[in-house]
Amino acid sequence: MRERTKRREGTVVSAKMAKTVVVQVDRLVEHPLYGKRLRRINHFMAHDEKGQCREGDRVLIIESRPLSRHKRWRVSRVLRKAAQ
């Protein structure tokens, strides 16, 4: 059976809020007509219950129920800590 929960890997760009981080997810898409590869960036607000994430961390986020007006994602785990 296929898993339905969406997962994204990205970099924390802001950790200034309480229990919330902003995660930047980069992806490459190919232009439908010209074939050139373009970089697309999305920002997701994610819930960080333990407050363990810092700016520059590489994290895995998973889709969840709406937690607030803008938060629809939760931090699943920290993949790599930022160099301090």
N, C-alpha and C. Protein backbone atom coordinates (compact mmCIF):
# COMPACT_ATOMS: atom_id res chain seq x y z
N MET A 1 0.84 -1.19 0.00
CA MET A 1 0.00 0.00 0.00
C MET A 1 0.87 1.24 0.00
N ARG A 2 0.47 2.23 -0.76
CA ARG A 2 1.26 3.45 -0.91
C ARG A 2 1.06 4.38 0.27
N GLU A 3 2.15 4.96 0.74
CA GLU A 3 2.07 5.90 1.83
C GLU A 3 1.57 7.25 1.31
N ARG A 4 0.62 7.87 2.01
CA ARG A 4 0.00 9.08 1.52
C ARG A 4 0.55 10.35 2.14
N THR A 5 1.33 10.23 3.21
CA THR A 5 1.87 11.41 3.87
C THR A 5 2.98 12.02 3.02
N LYS A 6 2.85 13.31 2.73
CA LYS A 6 3.88 13.99 1.95
C LYS A 6 5.08 14.28 2.83
N ARG A 7 6.26 14.17 2.25
CA ARG A 7 7.51 14.44 2.96
C ARG A 7 8.34 15.38 2.11
N ARG A 8 9.01 16.30 2.78
CA ARG A 8 9.90 17.23 2.08
C ARG A 8 11.18 17.37 2.89
N GLU A 9 12.28 17.55 2.20
CA GLU A 9 13.55 17.78 2.86
C GLU A 9 13.98 19.20 2.53
N GLY A 10 14.38 19.94 3.57
CA GLY A 10 14.75 21.33 3.33
C GLY A 10 15.66 21.87 4.41
N THR A 11 15.95 23.17 4.28
CA THR A 11 16.85 23.87 5.19
C THR A 11 16.07 24.88 6.01
N VAL A 12 16.34 24.94 7.30
CA VAL A 12 15.68 25.91 8.18
C VAL A 12 16.26 27.30 7.88
N VAL A 13 15.40 28.25 7.53
CA VAL A 13 15.86 29.60 7.25
C VAL A 13 15.47 30.57 8.35
N SER A 14 14.52 30.20 9.20
CA SER A 14 14.14 31.05 10.33
C SER A 14 13.66 30.18 11.48
N ALA A 15 14.19 30.47 12.67
CA ALA A 15 13.79 29.74 13.87
C ALA A 15 13.50 30.73 14.99
N LYS A 16 12.92 31.87 14.66
CA LYS A 16 12.73 32.95 15.62
C LYS A 16 11.41 32.86 16.37
N MET A 17 10.49 32.02 15.90
CA MET A 17 9.19 31.89 16.55
C MET A 17 9.22 30.75 17.56
N ALA A 18 8.25 30.78 18.47
CA ALA A 18 8.15 29.71 19.46
C ALA A 18 7.51 28.48 18.81
N LYS A 19 8.23 27.36 18.83
CA LYS A 19 7.76 26.07 18.31
C LYS A 19 7.43 26.08 16.82
N THR A 20 7.96 27.05 16.07
CA THR A 20 7.72 27.13 14.64
C THR A 20 9.03 27.46 13.92
N VAL A 21 9.28 26.77 12.83
CA VAL A 21 10.43 27.08 11.98
C VAL A 21 9.95 27.26 10.55
N VAL A 22 10.69 28.04 9.78
CA VAL A 22 10.41 28.20 8.36
C VAL A 22 11.45 27.38 7.61
N VAL A 23 10.96 26.46 6.77
CA VAL A 23 11.83 25.54 6.05
C VAL A 23 11.77 25.87 4.56
N GLN A 24 12.95 26.04 3.96
CA GLN A 24 13.04 26.30 2.53
C GLN A 24 13.31 24.99 1.80
N VAL A 25 12.44 24.67 0.85
CA VAL A 25 12.57 23.44 0.07
C VAL A 25 12.90 23.83 -1.36
N ASP A 26 14.04 23.35 -1.85
CA ASP A 26 14.48 23.61 -3.23
C ASP A 26 14.15 22.41 -4.09
N ARG A 27 13.76 22.67 -5.33
CA ARG A 27 13.52 21.58 -6.28
C ARG A 27 13.86 22.07 -7.68
N LEU A 28 14.24 21.16 -8.53
CA LEU A 28 14.54 21.48 -9.92
C LEU A 28 13.39 20.98 -10.79
N VAL A 29 12.87 21.86 -11.64
CA VAL A 29 11.82 21.48 -12.58
C VAL A 29 12.28 21.82 -13.99
N GLU A 30 11.80 21.07 -14.92
CA GLU A 30 12.17 21.32 -16.31
C GLU A 30 11.09 22.16 -16.97
N HIS A 31 11.51 23.19 -17.69
CA HIS A 31 10.55 24.04 -18.39
C HIS A 31 9.84 23.19 -19.45
N PRO A 32 8.50 23.28 -19.50
CA PRO A 32 7.76 22.39 -20.40
C PRO A 32 8.06 22.59 -21.89
N LEU A 33 8.39 23.80 -22.30
CA LEU A 33 8.64 24.06 -23.71
C LEU A 33 10.12 24.05 -24.05
N TYR A 34 10.93 24.74 -23.25
CA TYR A 34 12.34 24.93 -23.60
C TYR A 34 13.27 23.90 -23.00
N GLY A 35 12.80 23.14 -22.03
CA GLY A 35 13.62 22.06 -21.48
C GLY A 35 14.68 22.48 -20.50
N LYS A 36 14.82 23.77 -20.24
CA LYS A 36 15.83 24.23 -19.30
C LYS A 36 15.39 23.87 -17.88
N ARG A 37 16.36 23.48 -17.06
CA ARG A 37 16.05 23.15 -15.66
C ARG A 37 16.05 24.43 -14.83
N LEU A 38 14.96 24.61 -14.09
CA LEU A 38 14.78 25.81 -13.28
C LEU A 38 14.72 25.44 -11.81
N ARG A 39 15.29 26.30 -10.97
CA ARG A 39 15.25 26.06 -9.53
C ARG A 39 14.03 26.75 -8.95
N ARG A 40 13.20 26.00 -8.25
CA ARG A 40 12.01 26.54 -7.60
C ARG A 40 12.18 26.41 -6.10
N ILE A 41 11.78 27.44 -5.38
CA ILE A 41 11.93 27.48 -3.93
C ILE A 41 10.55 27.67 -3.29
N ASN A 42 10.26 26.85 -2.27
CA ASN A 42 9.03 27.00 -1.48
C ASN A 42 9.41 27.13 -0.02
N HIS A 43 8.67 27.96 0.70
CA HIS A 43 8.86 28.09 2.14
C HIS A 43 7.65 27.46 2.84
N PHE A 44 7.93 26.61 3.82
CA PHE A 44 6.88 25.98 4.60
C PHE A 44 7.10 26.30 6.07
N MET A 45 6.01 26.65 6.77
CA MET A 45 6.09 26.83 8.21
C MET A 45 5.81 25.46 8.83
N ALA A 46 6.72 25.02 9.70
CA ALA A 46 6.62 23.69 10.28
C ALA A 46 6.67 23.77 11.80
N HIS A 47 5.94 22.86 12.44
CA HIS A 47 5.86 22.80 13.89
C HIS A 47 7.08 22.07 14.44
N ASP A 48 7.79 22.71 15.36
CA ASP A 48 8.97 22.14 16.00
C ASP A 48 8.69 22.08 17.50
N GLU A 49 8.09 20.99 17.94
CA GLU A 49 7.62 20.86 19.32
C GLU A 49 8.74 21.03 20.34
N LYS A 50 9.89 20.41 20.10
CA LYS A 50 10.97 20.43 21.07
C LYS A 50 11.86 21.67 20.96
N GLY A 51 11.71 22.44 19.91
CA GLY A 51 12.54 23.63 19.72
C GLY A 51 13.99 23.30 19.46
N GLN A 52 14.24 22.18 18.79
CA GLN A 52 15.61 21.71 18.58
C GLN A 52 16.25 22.26 17.31
N CYS A 53 15.47 22.81 16.40
CA CYS A 53 16.00 23.26 15.11
C CYS A 53 16.59 24.66 15.22
N ARG A 54 17.69 24.87 14.50
CA ARG A 54 18.33 26.17 14.40
C ARG A 54 18.50 26.51 12.92
N GLU A 55 18.76 27.77 12.63
CA GLU A 55 18.95 28.18 11.24
C GLU A 55 20.12 27.42 10.62
N GLY A 56 19.90 26.95 9.40
CA GLY A 56 20.93 26.21 8.68
C GLY A 56 20.82 24.70 8.81
N ASP A 57 19.98 24.20 9.72
CA ASP A 57 19.80 22.76 9.88
C ASP A 57 19.08 22.18 8.67
N ARG A 58 19.45 20.97 8.31
CA ARG A 58 18.76 20.23 7.25
C ARG A 58 17.73 19.34 7.94
N VAL A 59 16.45 19.47 7.59
CA VAL A 59 15.39 18.75 8.29
C VAL A 59 14.47 18.03 7.32
N LEU A 60 13.76 17.03 7.84
CA LEU A 60 12.72 16.33 7.11
C LEU A 60 11.39 16.76 7.72
N ILE A 61 10.48 17.26 6.88
CA ILE A 61 9.16 17.68 7.38
C ILE A 61 8.11 16.78 6.75
N ILE A 62 7.02 16.55 7.52
CA ILE A 62 5.93 15.72 7.02
C ILE A 62 4.63 16.51 7.14
N GLU A 63 3.73 16.24 6.23
CA GLU A 63 2.45 16.92 6.20
C GLU A 63 1.60 16.50 7.39
N SER A 64 0.83 17.44 7.95
CA SER A 64 -0.03 17.13 9.09
C SER A 64 -1.33 17.90 8.96
N ARG A 65 -2.17 17.75 9.97
CA ARG A 65 -3.41 18.53 10.00
C ARG A 65 -3.06 19.99 10.21
N PRO A 66 -3.97 20.92 9.90
CA PRO A 66 -3.69 22.34 10.14
C PRO A 66 -3.45 22.61 11.63
N LEU A 67 -2.30 23.18 11.95
CA LEU A 67 -1.94 23.47 13.33
C LEU A 67 -2.17 24.93 13.68
N SER A 68 -2.15 25.79 12.69
CA SER A 68 -2.45 27.21 12.87
C SER A 68 -2.80 27.76 11.49
N ARG A 69 -2.85 29.07 11.38
CA ARG A 69 -3.26 29.68 10.11
C ARG A 69 -2.35 29.28 8.94
N HIS A 70 -1.05 29.20 9.20
CA HIS A 70 -0.11 28.90 8.12
C HIS A 70 0.62 27.56 8.27
N LYS A 71 0.54 26.94 9.44
CA LYS A 71 1.30 25.70 9.68
C LYS A 71 0.51 24.47 9.27
N ARG A 72 1.06 23.73 8.30
CA ARG A 72 0.46 22.47 7.85
C ARG A 72 1.49 21.35 7.85
N TRP A 73 2.67 21.60 8.40
CA TRP A 73 3.77 20.64 8.39
C TRP A 73 4.37 20.51 9.78
N ARG A 74 4.99 19.35 10.05
CA ARG A 74 5.69 19.10 11.30
C ARG A 74 7.11 18.65 11.00
N VAL A 75 8.05 19.03 11.86
CA VAL A 75 9.42 18.57 11.71
C VAL A 75 9.47 17.12 12.17
N SER A 76 9.86 16.22 11.27
CA SER A 76 9.95 14.81 11.60
C SER A 76 11.27 14.52 12.31
N ARG A 77 12.37 14.96 11.70
CA ARG A 77 13.68 14.78 12.33
C ARG A 77 14.70 15.72 11.70
N VAL A 78 15.76 15.95 12.46
CA VAL A 78 16.87 16.78 11.98
C VAL A 78 17.86 15.84 11.30
N LEU A 79 18.11 16.08 10.03
CA LEU A 79 19.01 15.22 9.28
C LEU A 79 20.47 15.60 9.48
N ARG A 80 20.74 16.92 9.53
CA ARG A 80 22.11 17.41 9.71
C ARG A 80 22.06 18.75 10.42
N LYS A 81 22.82 18.89 11.48
CA LYS A 81 22.89 20.15 12.22
C LYS A 81 23.78 21.13 11.46
N ALA A 82 23.48 22.41 11.61
CA ALA A 82 24.27 23.45 10.96
C ALA A 82 25.63 23.57 11.64
N ALA A 83 26.63 23.91 10.85
CA ALA A 83 27.97 24.11 11.41
C ALA A 83 27.97 25.41 12.21
N GLN A 84 28.37 25.32 13.46
CA GLN A 84 28.37 26.51 14.33
C GLN A 84 29.73 27.11 14.45
